[in-house]
Amino acid sequence: MKKFFAIFFALVLTLTFLAGASADGKTKVGIVLLIENGAFLDMKDGIISGLAANGYVEGDNLIVDYKNAQGDATNLATICQAMDDGTYDVVFTVATPATQTFVGLESETPCVFCSVAAPVAAGIMSTLDTPDMNATGTSNAIPAGDILNLGLTITPDVKTFGLLYCTSEINAVNAMENAKVYLDENGYKYIETTVSSSAEVQTATQALLEKGIDAMFIANDSTVQAAVDILAELCTEEGVPTYCCSATTVLSGCLATLAMSDTFIGEQTAEIAVKILNGAKPADVPAIVVPANIVSINQGTLDALGLTVPEAVTAMGDIQYLGK
């Protein structure tokens, strides 16, 4: 009998560990960011509101453990390791660096990623349709060609683009490779420069302006985003339009983009997580690409550059004007 109770007690402990916070009737999720910016915070809010819309309400039946690594890769690794302790039902990772770090742990806890531009290139799955690393989620594959086409529609006299990005962010590299293909195929020139930290953005921007670029294109790049207000101000002062890949970056001062709502992509990520929380395995839930369907324009930057929006832009998607 004592042996029976010992085995039974051990089984209960094991099941409690595996069930994590769900053992007390609450679902527990983690949300991890490498760095805070407006876009990522909107995605986080979208995840939480998306979960609430499906009955998982923070403070009621849901525990949300939110962590920001403050731009430090070592902090990010520590946070991800702490969340790989068996007590989380799902861990949300926002953007590529956080996702690569958590997936690299080969955790038994499902990873649901948000806004990874190139999941296959980032090494977190073999194909979007067949998640094979206990991770699935949403991709905001950057339509670089469409964004550049938008820019050329607004400012058709542009001949040379400046491309500025961080090479350590695979999503930015992927977007820039696609941008260069579009520019090469359509006969436009470009000058590219890279940065390894946000502190280098100002100097890199000034160098591109001195080389005579007509417009700037930047990717969804947390390193550049951290100093994008400086970049946008410098370019606008020189009469150079700036095109980007996020509505939040437009709000920071860039002229325009064609993108999706950051809150919406968070909500779509939550929809995927709900399937897993309700019993599905990540391998059975394909990752999805959230389409870009909103043209975002910074009204203040538009006015400062003395530009107007051509009627042809309205055919590209719904238009929202941001900023002053």
Protein backbone atom coordinates (compact mmCIF):
# COMPACT_ATOMS: atom_id res chain seq x y z
CA MET A 1 0.00 0.00 0.00
CA LYS A 2 2.84 2.41 0.87
CA LYS A 3 4.41 1.66 -2.51
CA PHE A 4 1.08 2.40 -4.21
CA PHE A 5 0.77 5.80 -2.51
CA ALA A 6 4.38 6.64 -3.31
CA ILE A 7 3.80 5.94 -7.00
CA PHE A 8 0.49 7.82 -6.94
CA PHE A 9 2.09 10.85 -5.26
CA ALA A 10 4.94 10.90 -7.78
CA LEU A 11 2.44 10.73 -10.64
CA VAL A 12 0.48 13.67 -9.23
CA LEU A 13 3.64 15.74 -8.93
CA THR A 14 4.61 14.93 -12.50
CA LEU A 15 1.20 15.84 -13.90
CA THR A 16 1.16 19.06 -11.90
CA PHE A 17 4.55 20.04 -13.28
CA LEU A 18 3.53 19.30 -16.85
CA ALA A 19 0.28 21.15 -16.51
CA GLY A 20 2.05 24.22 -15.17
CA ALA A 21 -0.15 27.03 -13.98
CA SER A 22 -3.21 25.30 -15.46
CA ALA A 23 -3.24 23.10 -12.34
CA ASP A 24 -4.87 25.92 -10.35
CA GLY A 25 -7.40 26.57 -13.07
CA LYS A 26 -5.45 29.34 -14.77
CA THR A 27 -3.59 29.34 -18.07
CA LYS A 28 -0.08 30.78 -17.95
CA VAL A 29 1.62 32.32 -20.95
CA GLY A 30 4.88 34.16 -21.44
CA ILE A 31 5.46 37.06 -23.82
CA VAL A 32 9.06 37.87 -24.73
CA LEU A 33 10.51 40.91 -26.53
CA LEU A 34 14.14 41.64 -27.30
CA ILE A 35 13.41 45.37 -27.06
CA GLU A 36 10.39 47.59 -26.61
CA ASN A 37 9.17 49.80 -29.42
CA GLY A 38 5.74 50.98 -30.49
CA ALA A 39 5.19 48.17 -33.00
CA PHE A 40 6.17 45.39 -30.60
CA LEU A 41 4.08 46.82 -27.78
CA ASP A 42 1.07 47.01 -30.11
CA MET A 43 1.66 43.36 -31.01
CA LYS A 44 1.83 42.44 -27.33
CA ASP A 45 -1.43 44.28 -26.68
CA GLY A 46 -2.98 42.52 -29.68
CA ILE A 47 -1.96 39.14 -28.28
CA ILE A 48 -3.57 39.90 -24.92
CA SER A 49 -6.77 41.30 -26.45
CA GLY A 50 -6.93 38.37 -28.88
CA LEU A 51 -6.69 35.90 -26.02
CA ALA A 52 -9.40 37.81 -24.13
CA ALA A 53 -11.70 37.64 -27.15
CA ASN A 54 -11.38 33.86 -26.93
CA GLY A 55 -12.11 33.61 -23.22
CA TYR A 56 -8.57 33.81 -21.82
CA VAL A 57 -8.71 36.97 -19.71
CA GLU A 58 -5.69 38.35 -17.89
CA GLY A 59 -6.36 38.66 -14.18
CA ASP A 60 -9.21 36.18 -14.38
CA ASN A 61 -8.29 32.80 -15.84
CA LEU A 62 -5.04 33.90 -17.47
CA ILE A 63 -1.60 34.71 -16.09
CA VAL A 64 0.58 36.77 -18.46
CA ASP A 65 4.30 36.92 -17.73
CA TYR A 66 5.70 39.72 -19.90
CA LYS A 67 9.45 40.20 -20.21
CA ASN A 68 11.51 42.76 -22.13
CA ALA A 69 15.21 41.98 -22.66
CA GLN A 70 15.98 45.71 -23.14
CA GLY A 71 17.95 45.04 -26.29
CA ASP A 72 20.44 42.73 -24.60
CA ALA A 73 20.95 39.29 -26.17
CA THR A 74 22.27 37.86 -22.89
CA ASN A 75 19.16 39.05 -21.06
CA LEU A 76 17.04 37.54 -23.81
CA ALA A 77 18.71 34.15 -23.41
CA THR A 78 18.22 34.27 -19.64
CA ILE A 79 14.53 35.16 -19.99
CA CYS A 80 13.90 32.38 -22.49
CA GLN A 81 15.69 29.82 -20.32
CA ALA A 82 13.57 30.85 -17.35
CA MET A 83 10.39 30.33 -19.35
CA ASP A 84 11.53 26.85 -20.33
CA ASP A 85 10.68 25.45 -16.91
CA GLY A 86 7.50 23.52 -17.68
CA THR A 87 5.13 25.97 -16.00
CA TYR A 88 4.00 27.85 -19.12
CA ASP A 89 1.26 26.63 -21.42
CA VAL A 90 2.53 28.73 -24.34
CA VAL A 91 5.37 31.18 -24.80
CA PHE A 92 4.81 34.04 -27.25
CA THR A 93 7.95 35.42 -28.87
CA VAL A 94 7.67 38.75 -30.66
CA ALA A 95 9.85 39.13 -33.77
CA THR A 96 12.80 37.10 -34.99
CA PRO A 97 15.54 37.36 -32.30
CA ALA A 98 13.28 36.28 -29.43
CA THR A 99 11.85 33.44 -31.52
CA GLN A 100 15.24 32.12 -32.58
CA THR A 101 16.44 32.20 -28.98
CA PHE A 102 13.47 30.29 -27.55
CA VAL A 103 13.23 27.78 -30.40
CA GLY A 104 16.96 27.15 -30.03
CA LEU A 105 16.31 25.75 -26.56
CA GLU A 106 14.30 22.87 -28.11
CA SER A 107 11.74 23.41 -25.37
CA GLU A 108 8.77 21.14 -24.80
CA THR A 109 6.70 24.29 -24.22
CA PRO A 110 4.97 25.39 -27.44
CA CYS A 111 6.32 28.59 -28.96
CA VAL A 112 3.87 30.85 -30.80
CA PHE A 113 5.79 33.55 -32.62
CA CYS A 114 4.48 36.93 -33.71
CA SER A 115 5.72 38.96 -36.68
CA VAL A 116 8.65 36.88 -37.92
CA ALA A 117 9.25 38.12 -41.44
CA ALA A 118 11.06 35.03 -42.74
CA PRO A 119 10.45 32.00 -40.46
CA VAL A 120 12.12 29.48 -42.76
CA ALA A 121 15.20 31.63 -43.38
CA ALA A 122 15.37 32.28 -39.64
CA GLY A 123 15.65 28.52 -39.04
CA ILE A 124 12.57 28.13 -36.86
CA MET A 125 10.64 25.85 -39.23
CA SER A 126 11.20 23.99 -42.48
CA THR A 127 8.02 25.24 -44.16
CA LEU A 128 5.14 27.44 -43.07
CA ASP A 129 2.67 24.61 -43.63
CA THR A 130 4.50 22.03 -41.54
CA PRO A 131 5.87 23.45 -38.27
CA ASP A 132 8.49 21.01 -37.06
CA MET A 133 10.26 22.71 -34.15
CA ASN A 134 7.37 22.99 -31.67
CA ALA A 135 6.81 26.53 -32.95
CA THR A 136 4.22 28.18 -35.16
CA GLY A 137 2.76 31.64 -35.48
CA THR A 138 2.45 34.65 -37.75
CA SER A 139 4.72 36.07 -40.40
CA ASN A 140 4.62 39.63 -41.61
CA ALA A 141 6.57 38.88 -44.76
CA ILE A 142 7.63 42.34 -45.86
CA PRO A 143 6.31 43.26 -49.34
CA ALA A 144 9.46 45.24 -50.11
CA GLY A 145 8.64 45.62 -53.79
CA ASP A 146 5.13 46.87 -53.05
CA ILE A 147 6.45 49.40 -50.52
CA LEU A 148 9.05 50.69 -52.98
CA ASN A 149 6.35 50.90 -55.64
CA LEU A 150 4.27 52.94 -53.19
CA GLY A 151 7.24 55.24 -52.68
CA LEU A 152 7.78 55.67 -56.38
CA THR A 153 4.10 56.46 -56.83
CA ILE A 154 4.27 59.21 -54.20
CA THR A 155 7.71 60.50 -55.29
CA PRO A 156 8.22 59.42 -58.92
CA ASP A 157 11.42 61.46 -59.40
CA VAL A 158 13.44 59.18 -57.13
CA LYS A 159 16.40 57.59 -58.91
CA THR A 160 18.60 56.36 -56.04
CA PHE A 161 17.48 54.75 -52.79
CA GLY A 162 19.45 54.52 -49.58
CA LEU A 163 19.12 51.15 -47.84
CA LEU A 164 19.97 51.09 -44.14
CA TYR A 165 19.69 48.00 -41.95
CA CYS A 166 21.26 45.78 -39.31
CA THR A 167 22.84 42.60 -40.66
CA SER A 168 22.31 40.66 -37.43
CA GLU A 169 18.52 40.77 -37.93
CA ILE A 170 17.59 38.15 -40.51
CA ASN A 171 14.20 39.75 -41.12
CA ALA A 172 15.89 43.00 -42.14
CA VAL A 173 18.41 41.19 -44.35
CA ASN A 174 15.62 39.27 -46.06
CA ALA A 175 13.60 42.44 -46.70
CA MET A 176 16.63 44.22 -48.14
CA GLU A 177 17.46 41.32 -50.43
CA ASN A 178 13.92 41.51 -51.80
CA ALA A 179 14.21 45.29 -52.11
CA LYS A 180 17.41 44.99 -54.12
CA VAL A 181 15.79 42.48 -56.46
CA TYR A 182 12.94 44.91 -57.11
CA LEU A 183 15.28 47.85 -57.67
CA ASP A 184 17.57 45.86 -59.96
CA GLU A 185 14.68 44.57 -62.03
CA ASN A 186 13.22 48.05 -62.42
CA GLY A 187 16.43 49.92 -63.16
CA TYR A 188 16.83 51.95 -59.97
CA LYS A 189 20.10 52.62 -58.20
CA TYR A 190 20.71 52.06 -54.51
CA ILE A 191 23.42 52.64 -51.94
CA GLU A 192 23.37 50.41 -48.89
CA THR A 193 24.95 50.70 -45.48
CA THR A 194 24.64 48.58 -42.39
CA VAL A 195 24.74 49.22 -38.65
CA SER A 196 25.41 46.97 -35.69
CA SER A 197 23.77 49.17 -33.06
CA SER A 198 21.22 51.96 -32.87
CA ALA A 199 24.00 54.37 -31.89
CA GLU A 200 25.35 54.10 -35.45
CA VAL A 201 22.08 55.06 -37.19
CA GLN A 202 22.64 58.82 -37.16
CA THR A 203 26.12 58.62 -38.68
CA ALA A 204 25.02 56.06 -41.26
CA THR A 205 22.06 58.21 -42.27
CA GLN A 206 24.23 61.28 -42.68
CA ALA A 207 26.68 59.30 -44.81
CA LEU A 208 23.91 58.17 -47.15
CA LEU A 209 22.54 61.70 -47.45
CA GLU A 210 26.00 63.00 -48.32
CA LYS A 211 26.17 60.45 -51.13
CA GLY A 212 23.11 62.00 -52.73
CA ILE A 213 20.29 59.50 -52.21
CA ASP A 214 16.81 60.59 -53.31
CA ALA A 215 14.86 58.40 -50.84
CA MET A 216 15.49 56.09 -47.90
CA PHE A 217 14.13 52.57 -47.38
CA ILE A 218 14.39 50.78 -44.02
CA ALA A 219 13.13 47.35 -42.97
CA ASN A 220 11.33 46.09 -39.87
CA ASP A 221 14.51 46.31 -37.87
CA SER A 222 14.48 46.83 -34.10
CA THR A 223 18.04 48.17 -34.15
CA VAL A 224 17.21 50.92 -36.64
CA GLN A 225 13.76 51.47 -35.12
CA ALA A 226 15.37 52.47 -31.83
CA ALA A 227 16.80 55.57 -33.55
CA VAL A 228 14.39 55.96 -36.46
CA ASP A 229 13.12 59.34 -35.25
CA ILE A 230 16.62 60.74 -35.75
CA LEU A 231 16.87 59.12 -39.20
CA ALA A 232 13.51 60.50 -40.27
CA GLU A 233 14.29 64.00 -39.02
CA LEU A 234 17.63 64.13 -40.83
CA CYS A 235 16.11 62.89 -44.08
CA THR A 236 13.13 65.24 -43.92
CA GLU A 237 15.40 68.22 -43.29
CA GLU A 238 17.22 67.33 -46.52
CA GLY A 239 13.98 66.84 -48.46
CA VAL A 240 14.49 63.07 -48.69
CA PRO A 241 11.38 60.89 -48.25
CA THR A 242 11.68 57.84 -46.02
CA TYR A 243 9.80 54.60 -46.70
CA CYS A 244 9.57 51.81 -44.16
CA CYS A 245 7.78 48.58 -43.24
CA SER A 246 5.67 49.41 -40.19
CA ALA A 247 2.91 51.86 -39.33
CA THR A 248 4.67 52.47 -36.02
CA THR A 249 7.79 53.53 -37.93
CA VAL A 250 5.65 55.95 -39.93
CA LEU A 251 4.34 57.34 -36.65
CA SER A 252 7.99 57.83 -35.63
CA GLY A 253 8.49 60.18 -38.58
CA CYS A 254 8.99 58.15 -41.75
CA LEU A 255 6.82 59.19 -44.69
CA ALA A 256 4.91 56.07 -45.66
CA THR A 257 4.52 52.31 -45.78
CA LEU A 258 2.24 49.54 -46.94
CA ALA A 259 1.81 47.21 -43.98
CA MET A 260 -0.59 45.51 -41.64
CA SER A 261 -1.83 46.72 -38.29
CA ASP A 262 0.60 45.68 -35.56
CA THR A 263 -2.31 45.13 -33.17
CA PHE A 264 -4.04 42.97 -35.76
CA ILE A 265 -1.02 40.70 -36.25
CA GLY A 266 -0.91 40.26 -32.47
CA GLU A 267 -4.58 39.27 -32.48
CA GLN A 268 -3.98 36.80 -35.31
CA THR A 269 -1.10 35.32 -33.31
CA ALA A 270 -3.44 34.86 -30.36
CA GLU A 271 -5.90 32.99 -32.59
CA ILE A 272 -3.17 30.47 -33.40
CA ALA A 273 -2.25 30.12 -29.73
CA VAL A 274 -5.85 29.48 -28.75
CA LYS A 275 -5.88 26.39 -30.97
CA ILE A 276 -2.86 25.08 -29.07
CA LEU A 277 -4.30 26.01 -25.68
CA ASN A 278 -7.41 24.07 -26.68
CA GLY A 279 -5.40 20.92 -27.39
CA ALA A 280 -3.82 21.18 -30.84
CA LYS A 281 -0.11 20.57 -31.34
CA PRO A 282 2.04 23.25 -33.01
CA ALA A 283 2.88 20.77 -35.76
CA ASP A 284 -0.80 20.66 -36.69
CA VAL A 285 -1.25 24.45 -36.86
CA PRO A 286 0.39 26.01 -39.94
CA ALA A 287 2.00 29.41 -39.63
CA ILE A 288 0.22 32.17 -41.52
CA VAL A 289 1.35 35.25 -43.44
CA VAL A 290 -0.67 38.30 -42.42
CA PRO A 291 -1.20 40.42 -45.56
CA ALA A 292 -0.25 44.07 -45.87
CA ASN A 293 -3.37 46.04 -46.69
CA ILE A 294 -3.04 49.45 -45.04
CA VAL A 295 -1.21 52.46 -46.49
CA SER A 296 0.13 54.53 -43.59
CA ILE A 297 1.27 58.10 -44.22
CA ASN A 298 2.77 60.57 -41.78
CA GLN A 299 0.82 63.79 -42.37
CA GLY A 300 3.47 65.99 -40.73
CA THR A 301 6.27 64.54 -42.85
CA LEU A 302 4.12 64.77 -45.97
CA ASP A 303 3.53 68.48 -45.30
CA ALA A 304 7.19 69.13 -44.44
CA LEU A 305 8.24 67.63 -47.77
CA GLY A 306 5.58 69.60 -49.65
CA LEU A 307 4.03 66.46 -51.10
CA THR A 308 0.50 65.33 -51.89
CA VAL A 309 -0.80 61.79 -52.16
CA PRO A 310 -1.65 60.75 -55.74
CA GLU A 311 -5.02 59.16 -56.43
CA ALA A 312 -3.23 55.99 -57.54
CA VAL A 313 -2.21 55.31 -53.94
CA THR A 314 -5.82 54.77 -52.90
CA ALA A 315 -5.91 51.63 -55.03
CA MET A 316 -3.17 50.04 -52.93
CA GLY A 317 -5.19 49.69 -49.72
CA ASP A 318 -6.97 51.59 -47.00
CA ILE A 319 -5.18 54.82 -46.12
CA GLN A 320 -4.50 56.06 -42.61
CA TYR A 321 -2.82 59.37 -41.84
CA LEU A 322 -0.63 59.42 -38.76
CA GLY A 323 1.28 62.11 -36.93
CA LYS A 324 0.61 65.83 -37.04
